[in-house]
């Protein structure tokens, strides 16, 4: 039987990193709005429009560790690769007006 039976440090990525980044920014802004709404309620005010937003990003790829060396066997094990979740981590600073 021919074929790979050992994989060392594969790198995982996504087909559309721009879409992943946009999704991450959208989620971060939604979370910022939710937190700001709670703060405004605590102040007895109502949250207004988004006035300013800035961002930063950090691409994080999950990578599995290399498989441990196994003792020789009479039958070759089937190769199984379990990709890690690929995610985009972003940070936003948002300023909202209050009414």
N, C-alpha and C. Protein backbone atom coordinates (compact mmCIF):
# COMPACT_ATOMS: atom_id res chain seq x y z
N UNK A 1 0.84 -1.17 0.00
CA UNK A 1 0.00 0.00 0.00
C UNK A 1 0.89 1.24 0.00
N UNK A 2 0.68 2.14 -0.94
CA UNK A 2 1.47 3.36 -1.01
C UNK A 2 0.63 4.54 -0.55
N UNK A 3 1.27 5.54 0.04
CA UNK A 3 0.56 6.74 0.47
C UNK A 3 1.15 7.29 1.74
N UNK A 4 0.71 8.47 2.09
CA UNK A 4 1.21 9.14 3.29
C UNK A 4 0.60 8.50 4.52
N UNK A 5 1.39 8.33 5.54
CA UNK A 5 0.87 7.86 6.82
C UNK A 5 1.39 8.71 7.97
N UNK A 6 2.00 9.86 7.63
CA UNK A 6 2.50 10.77 8.64
C UNK A 6 2.43 12.19 8.07
N UNK A 7 1.93 13.12 8.87
CA UNK A 7 1.81 14.52 8.45
C UNK A 7 2.43 15.38 9.54
N UNK A 8 3.27 16.31 9.14
CA UNK A 8 3.92 17.19 10.11
C UNK A 8 3.47 18.63 9.90
N UNK A 9 2.86 19.20 10.90
CA UNK A 9 2.49 20.62 10.96
C UNK A 9 1.82 21.18 9.70
N UNK A 10 0.67 20.63 9.31
CA UNK A 10 -0.03 21.25 8.17
C UNK A 10 -0.54 22.63 8.56
N UNK A 11 -0.65 23.52 7.59
CA UNK A 11 -1.19 24.85 7.84
C UNK A 11 -2.60 24.92 7.27
N UNK A 12 -3.52 25.50 8.04
CA UNK A 12 -4.91 25.59 7.63
C UNK A 12 -5.25 27.04 7.31
N UNK A 13 -6.07 27.24 6.31
CA UNK A 13 -6.51 28.57 5.94
C UNK A 13 -7.95 28.49 5.46
N UNK A 14 -8.51 29.60 5.07
CA UNK A 14 -9.87 29.63 4.57
C UNK A 14 -9.86 30.06 3.11
N UNK A 15 -10.92 29.73 2.39
CA UNK A 15 -11.00 30.07 0.97
C UNK A 15 -11.14 31.57 0.75
N UNK A 16 -11.83 32.26 1.67
CA UNK A 16 -12.09 33.69 1.50
C UNK A 16 -11.77 34.45 2.79
N UNK A 17 -10.49 34.80 3.02
CA UNK A 17 -10.11 35.48 4.26
C UNK A 17 -10.74 36.87 4.40
N UNK A 18 -11.04 37.54 3.30
CA UNK A 18 -11.67 38.86 3.37
C UNK A 18 -13.08 38.73 3.95
N UNK A 19 -13.82 37.72 3.51
CA UNK A 19 -15.17 37.49 4.04
C UNK A 19 -15.11 37.13 5.52
N UNK A 20 -14.13 36.33 5.91
CA UNK A 20 -13.96 35.96 7.32
C UNK A 20 -13.67 37.20 8.16
N UNK A 21 -12.81 38.09 7.65
CA UNK A 21 -12.49 39.32 8.36
C UNK A 21 -13.73 40.21 8.50
N UNK A 22 -14.50 40.33 7.44
CA UNK A 22 -15.72 41.15 7.48
C UNK A 22 -16.71 40.58 8.49
N UNK A 23 -16.83 39.28 8.53
CA UNK A 23 -17.72 38.63 9.50
C UNK A 23 -17.25 38.91 10.92
N UNK A 24 -15.96 38.84 11.16
CA UNK A 24 -15.41 39.10 12.49
C UNK A 24 -15.65 40.54 12.92
N UNK A 25 -15.43 41.50 12.00
CA UNK A 25 -15.68 42.90 12.33
C UNK A 25 -17.15 43.15 12.61
N UNK A 26 -18.03 42.55 11.83
CA UNK A 26 -19.46 42.70 12.06
C UNK A 26 -19.87 42.19 13.43
N UNK A 27 -19.35 41.04 13.80
CA UNK A 27 -19.66 40.46 15.11
C UNK A 27 -19.10 41.32 16.24
N UNK A 28 -17.88 41.85 16.06
CA UNK A 28 -17.27 42.69 17.08
C UNK A 28 -18.05 43.99 17.27
N UNK A 29 -18.50 44.60 16.18
CA UNK A 29 -19.29 45.83 16.29
C UNK A 29 -20.65 45.56 16.93
N UNK A 30 -21.25 44.43 16.60
CA UNK A 30 -22.53 44.07 17.22
C UNK A 30 -22.37 43.89 18.73
N UNK A 31 -21.28 43.25 19.14
CA UNK A 31 -21.02 43.06 20.56
C UNK A 31 -20.74 44.40 21.24
N UNK A 32 -20.00 45.29 20.57
CA UNK A 32 -19.72 46.62 21.13
C UNK A 32 -21.02 47.39 21.32
N UNK A 33 -21.93 47.30 20.35
CA UNK A 33 -23.22 47.98 20.47
C UNK A 33 -24.02 47.43 21.65
N UNK A 34 -24.02 46.12 21.80
CA UNK A 34 -24.75 45.49 22.90
C UNK A 34 -24.21 45.96 24.26
N UNK A 35 -22.91 46.02 24.39
CA UNK A 35 -22.30 46.48 25.65
C UNK A 35 -22.63 47.95 25.88
N UNK A 36 -22.54 48.77 24.82
CA UNK A 36 -22.84 50.20 24.94
C UNK A 36 -24.31 50.43 25.32
N UNK A 37 -25.22 49.61 24.79
CA UNK A 37 -26.64 49.73 25.14
C UNK A 37 -26.85 49.47 26.63
N UNK A 38 -26.18 48.46 27.15
CA UNK A 38 -26.29 48.15 28.58
C UNK A 38 -25.72 49.28 29.43
N UNK A 39 -24.62 49.86 28.99
CA UNK A 39 -24.03 50.99 29.73
C UNK A 39 -24.97 52.19 29.71
N UNK A 40 -25.56 52.46 28.54
CA UNK A 40 -26.48 53.60 28.44
C UNK A 40 -27.69 53.39 29.33
N UNK A 41 -28.23 52.19 29.36
CA UNK A 41 -29.37 51.90 30.24
C UNK A 41 -29.00 52.13 31.70
N UNK A 42 -27.79 51.74 32.07
CA UNK A 42 -27.32 51.95 33.43
C UNK A 42 -27.21 53.42 33.80
N UNK A 43 -27.01 54.26 32.79
CA UNK A 43 -26.93 55.70 33.00
C UNK A 43 -28.28 56.38 32.86
N UNK A 44 -29.30 55.59 32.56
CA UNK A 44 -30.63 56.17 32.35
C UNK A 44 -30.74 56.90 31.03
N UNK A 45 -29.93 56.52 30.06
CA UNK A 45 -29.93 57.17 28.75
C UNK A 45 -30.29 56.15 27.68
N UNK A 46 -30.38 56.64 26.47
CA UNK A 46 -30.66 55.77 25.33
C UNK A 46 -29.48 55.86 24.37
N UNK A 47 -29.07 54.72 23.84
CA UNK A 47 -27.93 54.70 22.93
C UNK A 47 -28.30 55.35 21.60
N UNK A 48 -27.40 56.19 21.11
CA UNK A 48 -27.60 56.84 19.81
C UNK A 48 -26.81 56.16 18.73
N UNK A 49 -26.41 56.94 17.73
CA UNK A 49 -25.69 56.43 16.56
C UNK A 49 -24.23 56.13 16.87
N UNK A 50 -23.65 55.27 16.04
CA UNK A 50 -22.22 55.02 16.08
C UNK A 50 -21.53 56.26 15.52
N UNK A 51 -20.61 56.83 16.30
CA UNK A 51 -19.93 58.05 15.91
C UNK A 51 -18.56 57.74 15.32
N UNK A 52 -17.86 56.76 15.88
CA UNK A 52 -16.49 56.46 15.48
C UNK A 52 -16.21 54.99 15.75
N UNK A 53 -15.41 54.37 14.90
CA UNK A 53 -14.96 52.99 15.13
C UNK A 53 -13.57 52.82 14.54
N UNK A 54 -12.73 52.11 15.25
CA UNK A 54 -11.41 51.74 14.73
C UNK A 54 -11.25 50.25 14.95
N UNK A 55 -10.26 49.66 14.27
CA UNK A 55 -10.11 48.21 14.37
C UNK A 55 -8.66 47.79 14.32
N UNK A 56 -8.45 46.54 14.71
CA UNK A 56 -7.17 45.87 14.54
C UNK A 56 -7.49 44.40 14.36
N UNK A 57 -6.57 43.64 13.80
CA UNK A 57 -6.85 42.24 13.57
C UNK A 57 -5.66 41.38 13.86
N UNK A 58 -5.96 40.12 14.07
CA UNK A 58 -4.92 39.12 14.32
C UNK A 58 -5.44 37.79 13.79
N UNK A 59 -4.85 37.30 12.72
CA UNK A 59 -5.29 36.05 12.13
C UNK A 59 -4.75 34.90 12.96
N UNK A 60 -5.62 34.00 13.35
CA UNK A 60 -5.24 32.85 14.15
C UNK A 60 -5.65 31.59 13.41
N UNK A 61 -4.69 30.77 13.09
CA UNK A 61 -4.98 29.51 12.43
C UNK A 61 -4.71 28.39 13.42
N UNK A 62 -5.64 27.48 13.54
CA UNK A 62 -5.40 26.30 14.37
C UNK A 62 -4.57 25.32 13.60
N UNK A 63 -3.56 24.76 14.24
CA UNK A 63 -2.72 23.79 13.57
C UNK A 63 -2.53 22.58 14.48
N UNK A 64 -2.84 21.39 14.00
CA UNK A 64 -2.62 20.22 14.83
C UNK A 64 -1.14 19.92 14.99
N UNK A 65 -0.80 19.30 16.07
CA UNK A 65 0.58 18.88 16.30
C UNK A 65 0.90 17.68 15.41
N UNK A 66 2.16 17.50 15.13
CA UNK A 66 2.57 16.36 14.32
C UNK A 66 2.21 15.07 15.06
N UNK A 67 1.83 14.09 14.30
CA UNK A 67 1.51 12.81 14.91
C UNK A 67 2.75 12.21 15.55
N UNK A 68 2.56 11.56 16.69
CA UNK A 68 3.69 10.92 17.37
C UNK A 68 4.17 9.73 16.55
N UNK A 69 5.45 9.47 16.61
CA UNK A 69 5.99 8.31 15.91
C UNK A 69 5.45 7.05 16.56
N UNK A 70 5.01 6.15 15.73
CA UNK A 70 4.42 4.91 16.23
C UNK A 70 5.35 3.74 15.89
N UNK A 71 5.33 2.72 16.72
CA UNK A 71 6.13 1.55 16.38
C UNK A 71 5.58 0.88 15.12
N UNK A 72 6.46 0.20 14.41
CA UNK A 72 6.06 -0.47 13.17
C UNK A 72 4.97 -1.49 13.46
N UNK A 73 4.00 -1.57 12.57
CA UNK A 73 2.90 -2.53 12.70
C UNK A 73 2.86 -3.37 11.42
N UNK A 74 2.19 -4.47 11.52
CA UNK A 74 2.06 -5.30 10.33
C UNK A 74 1.05 -4.70 9.36
N UNK A 75 0.05 -3.99 9.87
CA UNK A 75 -0.93 -3.34 9.01
C UNK A 75 -0.80 -1.83 9.21
N UNK A 76 -0.72 -1.08 8.10
CA UNK A 76 -0.57 0.37 8.18
C UNK A 76 -1.87 1.00 8.68
N UNK A 77 -1.77 1.95 9.64
CA UNK A 77 -2.98 2.62 10.11
C UNK A 77 -3.48 3.60 9.04
N UNK A 78 -4.77 3.83 9.06
CA UNK A 78 -5.35 4.82 8.14
C UNK A 78 -4.99 6.21 8.64
N UNK A 79 -4.59 7.07 7.72
CA UNK A 79 -4.24 8.45 8.07
C UNK A 79 -5.52 9.24 8.30
N UNK A 80 -5.61 9.92 9.42
CA UNK A 80 -6.75 10.77 9.72
C UNK A 80 -6.23 12.15 10.08
N UNK A 81 -6.77 13.16 9.42
CA UNK A 81 -6.39 14.54 9.71
C UNK A 81 -7.63 15.25 10.20
N UNK A 82 -7.52 15.90 11.34
CA UNK A 82 -8.63 16.62 11.93
C UNK A 82 -8.28 18.11 11.94
N UNK A 83 -8.77 18.85 10.95
CA UNK A 83 -8.42 20.28 10.89
C UNK A 83 -8.97 21.04 12.08
N UNK A 84 -8.20 21.99 12.52
CA UNK A 84 -8.61 22.86 13.61
C UNK A 84 -9.48 23.98 13.05
N UNK A 85 -10.26 24.58 13.90
CA UNK A 85 -11.11 25.70 13.49
C UNK A 85 -10.21 26.89 13.16
N UNK A 86 -10.48 27.53 12.04
CA UNK A 86 -9.76 28.73 11.65
C UNK A 86 -10.64 29.91 12.02
N UNK A 87 -10.10 30.85 12.75
CA UNK A 87 -10.91 31.99 13.16
C UNK A 87 -10.15 33.29 13.01
N UNK A 88 -10.87 34.36 12.90
CA UNK A 88 -10.30 35.70 12.81
C UNK A 88 -10.64 36.39 14.13
N UNK A 89 -9.63 36.90 14.79
CA UNK A 89 -9.81 37.62 16.05
C UNK A 89 -9.57 39.09 15.77
N UNK A 90 -10.56 39.93 16.08
CA UNK A 90 -10.42 41.36 15.85
C UNK A 90 -10.79 42.12 17.12
N UNK A 91 -10.32 43.32 17.19
CA UNK A 91 -10.67 44.20 18.30
C UNK A 91 -11.16 45.51 17.69
N UNK A 92 -12.29 45.99 18.19
CA UNK A 92 -12.81 47.28 17.72
C UNK A 92 -12.96 48.23 18.91
N UNK A 93 -12.76 49.48 18.63
CA UNK A 93 -13.05 50.54 19.59
C UNK A 93 -14.18 51.35 18.97
N UNK A 94 -15.31 51.39 19.65
CA UNK A 94 -16.49 52.06 19.08
C UNK A 94 -16.95 53.16 20.03
N UNK A 95 -17.31 54.30 19.45
CA UNK A 95 -17.86 55.42 20.22
C UNK A 95 -19.26 55.68 19.71
N UNK A 96 -20.22 55.65 20.63
CA UNK A 96 -21.61 55.88 20.31
C UNK A 96 -22.08 57.18 20.97
N UNK A 97 -23.06 57.81 20.38
CA UNK A 97 -23.67 58.97 21.04
C UNK A 97 -24.76 58.44 21.97
N UNK A 98 -25.15 59.24 22.95
CA UNK A 98 -26.24 58.88 23.85
C UNK A 98 -27.30 59.98 23.78
N UNK A 99 -28.54 59.58 24.02
CA UNK A 99 -29.66 60.53 23.98
C UNK A 99 -30.21 60.69 25.39
